[in-house]
Amino acid sequence: MASPLDAVRRLSAATVNLLLSRAEFASLELAQTRVQLIRWVALALFAMVLVLLALIAGSALVTVALWPRYGWITLAVLFALYGVSAVLVFRKLTGEISAAPPVLSATLRELSNDRDALLADKRVQAGDGGEV
């Protein structure tokens, strides 16, 4: 027959192991989130550069349009190209951000499952104890 102290030790060891595995899982999730955040920042910076280029080309377009030559058509095409590119990059960025799961959602889900399993186990033990 095992002593109560052995049961407490086993329970403590199981609890520590469970917490360590959940901490490792949270660490992995945070690493993935960091990579995703870096990607979003890079996309946002790229979009801002394209918007800046569109503004520069737009300003040049207004300037050149006042001249009696046809050089403004080239700048108009560049302006449209940069503007459309910026819109596409912004759409991609906002789509990825809105589709991303909340940070640590999988870890929280696993902790919730652990809690539910422990509570169910306690209910079963309480039911067994009452019937004996």
Foldseek 3Di string as FASTA:
>chain_A
DDDVVVVVVVVVVVVVVVVVVLVVVLVVLVVVVVVVVVVLVVLVVVLVVLVVQLVVLVVVLVVCVVPPDDPSVVSVVSNVVSVVVSVVSVVVSVVVVVPDDDRCPVSVVVVVVVVVVVVVVVVVVVVVVVVD
